[in-house]
Amino acid sequence: MFGILAFFSLAYAAFFFWGNRIPNPLVCQGKVKSSGVERGEMVRKEYDVYMYLNDKERALVFISGVYVGSDNVVKTLHRTLSFDPQWNGNHLKIRNFSVDKHINDNAPDDTIPLVGGK
């Protein structure tokens, strides 16, 4: 979870720092590597995050990588997160949030923790 939050924080910080000097749309890329204990199991996650954000269309976040559980079986992770962005000054409001799981994605549904989920 820290990796995704850090990625979004850096993406937003870069956007606010350069302000109007960044042409629309904003495209960011990051890499997340995480390992630790979840639900009593040692797990490892490694994935790339690509973010496409502009003012006129739906924002997209593509996540592609691997998930390795305690059984050491490598599972594929391919997700697309989409939402309607609405800027209110320096605050980004996210509306109509959805997560789509690719047909080849066999990682657990809760592999990517989302703030405010469930």
C-alpha atoms as a PDB file:
ATOM      1  CA  MET A   1       0.000   0.000   0.000  1.00  0.00           C
ATOM      2  CA  PHE A   2       2.844   2.359   0.815  1.00  0.00           C
ATOM      3  CA  GLY A   3       4.265   1.925  -2.677  1.00  0.00           C
ATOM      4  CA  ILE A   4       1.074   3.022  -4.444  1.00  0.00           C
ATOM      5  CA  LEU A   5       0.570   5.945  -2.077  1.00  0.00           C
ATOM      6  CA  ALA A   6       4.196   7.009  -2.566  1.00  0.00           C
ATOM      7  CA  PHE A   7       3.818   6.793  -6.352  1.00  0.00           C
ATOM      8  CA  PHE A   8       0.664   8.931  -6.390  1.00  0.00           C
ATOM      9  CA  SER A   9       2.203  11.413  -3.947  1.00  0.00           C
ATOM     10  CA  LEU A  10       5.257  11.830  -6.171  1.00  0.00           C
ATOM     11  CA  ALA A  11       3.120  12.145  -9.297  1.00  0.00           C
ATOM     12  CA  TYR A  12       0.932  14.840  -7.743  1.00  0.00           C
ATOM     13  CA  ALA A  13       3.926  16.641  -6.234  1.00  0.00           C
ATOM     14  CA  ALA A  14       5.611  16.753  -9.638  1.00  0.00           C
ATOM     15  CA  PHE A  15       2.418  18.069 -11.209  1.00  0.00           C
ATOM     16  CA  PHE A  16       2.004  20.831  -8.616  1.00  0.00           C
ATOM     17  CA  PHE A  17       5.712  21.761  -8.634  1.00  0.00           C
ATOM     18  CA  TRP A  18       5.860  22.372 -12.362  1.00  0.00           C
ATOM     19  CA  GLY A  19       2.305  23.711 -12.518  1.00  0.00           C
ATOM     20  CA  ASN A  20       1.370  24.982 -15.951  1.00  0.00           C
ATOM     21  CA  ARG A  21       4.749  24.083 -17.444  1.00  0.00           C
ATOM     22  CA  ILE A  22       3.621  20.459 -17.893  1.00  0.00           C
ATOM     23  CA  PRO A  23       1.530  20.156 -21.039  1.00  0.00           C
ATOM     24  CA  ASN A  24      -1.741  18.273 -20.816  1.00  0.00           C
ATOM     25  CA  PRO A  25      -2.035  15.332 -20.416  1.00  0.00           C
ATOM     26  CA  LEU A  26       0.071  14.243 -17.458  1.00  0.00           C
ATOM     27  CA  VAL A  27       1.711  10.842 -17.952  1.00  0.00           C
ATOM     28  CA  CYS A  28       3.688   9.207 -15.106  1.00  0.00           C
ATOM     29  CA  GLN A  29       5.386   5.872 -14.621  1.00  0.00           C
ATOM     30  CA  GLY A  30       6.565   4.193 -11.439  1.00  0.00           C
ATOM     31  CA  LYS A  31       7.773   0.861 -10.114  1.00  0.00           C
ATOM     32  CA  VAL A  32       6.564  -0.670  -6.850  1.00  0.00           C
ATOM     33  CA  LYS A  33       8.405  -3.460  -5.006  1.00  0.00           C
ATOM     34  CA  SER A  34       6.947  -4.663  -1.750  1.00  0.00           C
ATOM     35  CA  SER A  35       7.364  -7.664   0.530  1.00  0.00           C
ATOM     36  CA  GLY A  36       5.964  -8.429   3.921  1.00  0.00           C
ATOM     37  CA  VAL A  37       3.453 -10.427   5.909  1.00  0.00           C
ATOM     38  CA  GLU A  38      -0.193 -10.301   4.838  1.00  0.00           C
ATOM     39  CA  ARG A  39      -2.876 -12.451   6.453  1.00  0.00           C
ATOM     40  CA  GLY A  40      -0.116 -14.422   8.190  1.00  0.00           C
ATOM     41  CA  GLU A  41       1.718 -15.207   4.914  1.00  0.00           C
ATOM     42  CA  MET A  42       4.954 -13.834   3.517  1.00  0.00           C
ATOM     43  CA  VAL A  43       4.175 -12.230   0.132  1.00  0.00           C
ATOM     44  CA  ARG A  44       6.117 -10.293  -2.501  1.00  0.00           C
ATOM     45  CA  LYS A  45       4.662  -7.854  -5.021  1.00  0.00           C
ATOM     46  CA  GLU A  46       6.446  -6.204  -7.922  1.00  0.00           C
ATOM     47  CA  TYR A  47       4.595  -4.139 -10.475  1.00  0.00           C
ATOM     48  CA  ASP A  48       4.826  -1.162 -12.801  1.00  0.00           C
ATOM     49  CA  VAL A  49       2.293   1.650 -12.544  1.00  0.00           C
ATOM     50  CA  TYR A  50       1.448   3.913 -15.480  1.00  0.00           C
ATOM     51  CA  MET A  51      -0.809   6.930 -14.969  1.00  0.00           C
ATOM     52  CA  TYR A  52      -2.557   9.011 -17.620  1.00  0.00           C
ATOM     53  CA  LEU A  53      -4.364  12.104 -16.349  1.00  0.00           C
ATOM     54  CA  ASN A  54      -5.948  15.052 -18.134  1.00  0.00           C
ATOM     55  CA  ASP A  55      -8.819  17.456 -17.541  1.00  0.00           C
ATOM     56  CA  LYS A  56     -11.192  16.372 -20.295  1.00  0.00           C
ATOM     57  CA  GLU A  57     -11.321  12.576 -20.310  1.00  0.00           C
ATOM     58  CA  ARG A  58     -11.364   9.680 -17.907  1.00  0.00           C
ATOM     59  CA  ALA A  59      -8.083   9.201 -16.047  1.00  0.00           C
ATOM     60  CA  LEU A  60      -6.424   5.789 -16.352  1.00  0.00           C
ATOM     61  CA  VAL A  61      -3.948   3.911 -14.169  1.00  0.00           C
ATOM     62  CA  PHE A  62      -2.440   0.713 -15.595  1.00  0.00           C
ATOM     63  CA  ILE A  63      -0.851  -1.783 -13.210  1.00  0.00           C
ATOM     64  CA  SER A  64       1.186  -4.704 -14.503  1.00  0.00           C
ATOM     65  CA  GLY A  65       3.391  -7.065 -12.499  1.00  0.00           C
ATOM     66  CA  VAL A  66       3.661 -10.193 -10.372  1.00  0.00           C
ATOM     67  CA  TYR A  67       2.429 -11.430  -7.007  1.00  0.00           C
ATOM     68  CA  VAL A  68       4.259 -14.215  -5.136  1.00  0.00           C
ATOM     69  CA  GLY A  69       2.463 -15.742  -2.136  1.00  0.00           C
ATOM     70  CA  SER A  70       3.721 -18.079   0.586  1.00  0.00           C
ATOM     71  CA  ASP A  71       3.446 -21.041  -1.820  1.00  0.00           C
ATOM     72  CA  ASN A  72       6.092 -19.376  -4.080  1.00  0.00           C
ATOM     73  CA  VAL A  73       3.761 -19.537  -7.079  1.00  0.00           C
ATOM     74  CA  VAL A  74       4.160 -16.501  -9.329  1.00  0.00           C
ATOM     75  CA  LYS A  75       0.790 -14.961 -10.239  1.00  0.00           C
ATOM     76  CA  THR A  76       0.198 -12.370 -12.927  1.00  0.00           C
ATOM     77  CA  LEU A  77      -1.192  -8.954 -12.055  1.00  0.00           C
ATOM     78  CA  HIS A  78      -2.848  -6.810 -14.784  1.00  0.00           C
ATOM     79  CA  ARG A  79      -5.364  -4.196 -13.625  1.00  0.00           C
ATOM     80  CA  THR A  80      -6.783  -0.968 -15.038  1.00  0.00           C
ATOM     81  CA  LEU A  81      -8.106   1.660 -12.660  1.00  0.00           C
ATOM     82  CA  SER A  82     -10.186   4.452 -14.147  1.00  0.00           C
ATOM     83  CA  PHE A  83     -11.940   7.481 -12.717  1.00  0.00           C
ATOM     84  CA  ASP A  84     -13.337  10.903 -13.575  1.00  0.00           C
ATOM     85  CA  PRO A  85     -10.846  13.516 -12.332  1.00  0.00           C
ATOM     86  CA  GLN A  86     -12.092  16.853 -11.067  1.00  0.00           C
ATOM     87  CA  TRP A  87      -9.607  19.479  -9.922  1.00  0.00           C
ATOM     88  CA  ASN A  88     -10.622  21.831  -7.131  1.00  0.00           C
ATOM     89  CA  GLY A  89      -7.627  24.138  -6.795  1.00  0.00           C
ATOM     90  CA  ASN A  90      -4.774  21.871  -5.699  1.00  0.00           C
ATOM     91  CA  HIS A  91      -7.108  19.038  -4.701  1.00  0.00           C
ATOM     92  CA  LEU A  92      -7.979  16.162  -7.021  1.00  0.00           C
ATOM     93  CA  LYS A  93     -11.443  14.696  -6.527  1.00  0.00           C
ATOM     94  CA  ILE A  94     -11.966  11.187  -7.845  1.00  0.00           C
ATOM     95  CA  ARG A  95     -15.451  10.261  -9.000  1.00  0.00           C
ATOM     96  CA  ASN A  96     -16.874   7.122 -10.650  1.00  0.00           C
ATOM     97  CA  PHE A  97     -13.892   4.961  -9.686  1.00  0.00           C
ATOM     98  CA  SER A  98     -13.654   1.484 -11.220  1.00  0.00           C
ATOM     99  CA  VAL A  99     -11.142  -1.366 -11.315  1.00  0.00           C
ATOM    100  CA  ASP A 100     -10.986  -3.779 -14.249  1.00  0.00           C
ATOM    101  CA  LYS A 101      -9.128  -7.072 -13.959  1.00  0.00           C
ATOM    102  CA  HIS A 102      -7.529  -8.454 -17.145  1.00  0.00           C
ATOM    103  CA  ILE A 103      -8.516 -11.976 -18.188  1.00  0.00           C
ATOM    104  CA  ASN A 104      -4.930 -13.215 -17.527  1.00  0.00           C
ATOM    105  CA  ASP A 105      -4.807 -11.673 -14.025  1.00  0.00           C
ATOM    106  CA  ASN A 106      -4.761 -14.529 -11.495  1.00  0.00           C
ATOM    107  CA  ALA A 107      -3.516 -12.556  -8.463  1.00  0.00           C
ATOM    108  CA  PRO A 108      -5.837 -12.230  -5.439  1.00  0.00           C
ATOM    109  CA  ASP A 109      -8.439  -9.472  -5.688  1.00  0.00           C
ATOM    110  CA  ASP A 110      -6.980  -7.599  -2.699  1.00  0.00           C
ATOM    111  CA  THR A 111      -3.409  -7.551  -4.060  1.00  0.00           C
ATOM    112  CA  ILE A 112      -3.592  -3.787  -4.513  1.00  0.00           C
ATOM    113  CA  PRO A 113      -4.989  -2.099  -1.395  1.00  0.00           C
ATOM    114  CA  LEU A 114      -7.148   0.893  -2.193  1.00  0.00           C
ATOM    115  CA  VAL A 115      -7.785   3.764   0.177  1.00  0.00           C
ATOM    116  CA  GLY A 116     -11.480   3.909   1.059  1.00  0.00           C
ATOM    117  CA  GLY A 117     -12.235   0.469  -0.365  1.00  0.00           C
ATOM    118  CA  LYS A 118     -15.135  -1.675   0.900  1.00  0.00           C
END
